[in-house]
């Protein structure tokens, strides 16, 4: 990865991925997941593509960690620049950029809100 690749992600992420040897652009093909013969299977439609893509990303980062790698999933990115650089067609939704490498230090753990503020049980 070179310095110009740092411009593909949001400002806050640049400092966190300096030296990462790999950036992965995570996409899904629109109109496939959640559709049957071209018709939406329910009101979620292309939302299933995002859901499936997220599951795929989750398994990828878990496997990477099991192999000793560290990852950072970045939703803040320049989709237009990524689409141009990697010739990603408009038929694909760009969901995230994932850096893969080794951490340079221990990450800072943010303070978490109480569970009852973020979860509702029925």
Protein backbone atom coordinates (compact mmCIF):
# COMPACT_ATOMS: atom_id res chain seq x y z
CA UNK A 1 0.00 0.00 0.00
CA UNK A 2 1.33 3.46 -0.79
CA UNK A 3 0.54 6.88 0.67
CA UNK A 4 -2.04 7.66 -2.03
CA UNK A 5 -4.11 4.69 -0.84
CA UNK A 6 -4.53 6.48 2.50
CA UNK A 7 -6.70 9.03 0.70
CA UNK A 8 -9.25 6.29 -0.01
CA UNK A 9 -10.38 6.18 3.63
CA UNK A 10 -11.73 8.76 6.06
CA UNK A 11 -9.40 11.17 7.83
CA UNK A 12 -9.82 9.45 11.21
CA UNK A 13 -8.77 6.09 9.79
CA UNK A 14 -5.62 7.25 8.01
CA UNK A 15 -3.48 7.27 11.15
CA UNK A 16 -4.73 3.81 12.10
CA UNK A 17 -3.73 2.08 8.87
CA UNK A 18 -0.30 3.55 8.18
CA UNK A 19 1.94 0.59 7.37
CA UNK A 20 -0.92 -1.86 6.75
CA UNK A 21 0.22 -3.97 3.77
CA UNK A 22 -3.30 -4.83 2.54
CA UNK A 23 -6.56 -2.97 1.97
CA UNK A 24 -9.61 -5.02 0.99
CA UNK A 25 -12.62 -3.37 -0.64
CA UNK A 26 -15.78 -5.17 0.43
CA UNK A 27 -18.68 -5.04 -2.06
CA UNK A 28 -21.81 -6.91 -3.00
CA UNK A 29 -23.68 -7.17 -6.26
CA UNK A 30 -26.95 -5.25 -6.07
CA UNK A 31 -30.22 -7.02 -6.84
CA UNK A 32 -29.00 -10.56 -6.06
CA UNK A 33 -29.30 -11.35 -2.36
CA UNK A 34 -32.93 -10.95 -1.24
CA UNK A 35 -34.25 -11.37 -4.77
CA UNK A 36 -35.79 -14.34 -6.61
CA UNK A 37 -35.92 -14.23 -10.39
CA UNK A 38 -35.38 -10.49 -10.28
CA UNK A 39 -38.13 -9.74 -7.77
CA UNK A 40 -37.65 -8.72 -4.14
CA UNK A 41 -38.48 -11.56 -1.76
CA UNK A 42 -39.61 -9.10 0.94
CA UNK A 43 -39.49 -5.41 1.89
CA UNK A 44 -35.77 -5.58 2.79
CA UNK A 45 -34.70 -6.02 -0.86
CA UNK A 46 -31.05 -5.08 -1.29
CA UNK A 47 -30.72 -4.84 2.47
CA UNK A 48 -30.02 -8.58 2.39
CA UNK A 49 -26.91 -7.90 0.30
CA UNK A 50 -25.59 -5.59 3.00
CA UNK A 51 -26.50 -8.16 5.66
CA UNK A 52 -24.75 -11.01 3.82
CA UNK A 53 -21.75 -8.80 3.12
CA UNK A 54 -21.49 -7.93 6.81
CA UNK A 55 -21.59 -11.61 7.77
CA UNK A 56 -18.86 -12.35 5.26
CA UNK A 57 -16.73 -9.52 6.65
CA UNK A 58 -17.26 -10.76 10.21
CA UNK A 59 -16.07 -14.27 9.37
CA UNK A 60 -13.13 -12.87 7.45
CA UNK A 61 -11.90 -10.76 10.38
CA UNK A 62 -12.38 -13.64 12.82
CA UNK A 63 -10.30 -15.94 10.60
CA UNK A 64 -7.67 -13.25 10.11
CA UNK A 65 -7.37 -12.83 13.90
CA UNK A 66 -7.12 -16.61 14.34
CA UNK A 67 -4.17 -16.52 11.91
CA UNK A 68 -2.48 -13.72 13.89
CA UNK A 69 -3.51 -10.73 11.77
CA UNK A 70 -5.30 -7.59 12.86
CA UNK A 71 -8.00 -5.78 10.89
CA UNK A 72 -9.82 -2.48 10.85
CA UNK A 73 -13.18 -2.19 9.10
CA UNK A 74 -13.70 1.30 7.73
CA UNK A 75 -17.08 2.54 6.61
CA UNK A 76 -15.77 6.07 6.04
CA UNK A 77 -14.22 5.91 2.58
CA UNK A 78 -14.17 7.61 -0.80
CA UNK A 79 -16.45 5.31 -2.81
CA UNK A 80 -15.98 7.24 -6.04
CA UNK A 81 -12.18 6.99 -5.84
CA UNK A 82 -12.37 3.28 -4.95
CA UNK A 83 -14.79 2.60 -7.81
CA UNK A 84 -12.47 4.37 -10.27
CA UNK A 85 -9.18 2.89 -9.00
CA UNK A 86 -10.42 -0.69 -8.93
CA UNK A 87 -12.92 -0.44 -11.81
CA UNK A 88 -15.82 -1.48 -9.57
CA UNK A 89 -19.05 -1.42 -11.59
CA UNK A 90 -22.10 0.58 -10.52
CA UNK A 91 -23.91 -2.74 -10.12
CA UNK A 92 -21.88 -3.33 -6.94
CA UNK A 93 -22.42 -1.55 -3.62
CA UNK A 94 -19.19 -0.61 -1.83
CA UNK A 95 -19.73 -1.40 1.83
CA UNK A 96 -16.36 -1.09 3.56
CA UNK A 97 -12.59 -1.07 3.31
CA UNK A 98 -10.79 -3.54 5.56
CA UNK A 99 -7.12 -3.08 6.40
CA UNK A 100 -5.17 -6.25 7.15
CA UNK A 101 -1.83 -6.31 8.91
CA UNK A 102 -0.26 -6.32 12.35
CA UNK A 103 -1.05 -3.84 15.10
CA UNK A 104 1.69 -1.46 16.14
CA UNK A 105 0.38 -1.26 19.71
CA UNK A 106 -2.56 -2.17 21.87
CA UNK A 107 -5.80 -0.46 20.81
CA UNK A 108 -7.44 1.97 23.21
CA UNK A 109 -10.69 0.56 24.59
CA UNK A 110 -13.44 3.18 24.48
CA UNK A 111 -15.77 3.49 27.44
CA UNK A 112 -18.97 1.58 26.73
CA UNK A 113 -22.47 2.78 27.48
CA UNK A 114 -24.56 0.65 29.85
CA UNK A 115 -26.25 -2.30 28.14
CA UNK A 116 -29.75 -1.01 28.92
CA UNK A 117 -29.00 2.16 26.90
CA UNK A 118 -28.21 0.27 23.69
CA UNK A 119 -30.33 -2.91 23.84
CA UNK A 120 -34.05 -3.48 24.19
CA UNK A 121 -35.29 -6.98 25.05
CA UNK A 122 -38.81 -8.12 24.17
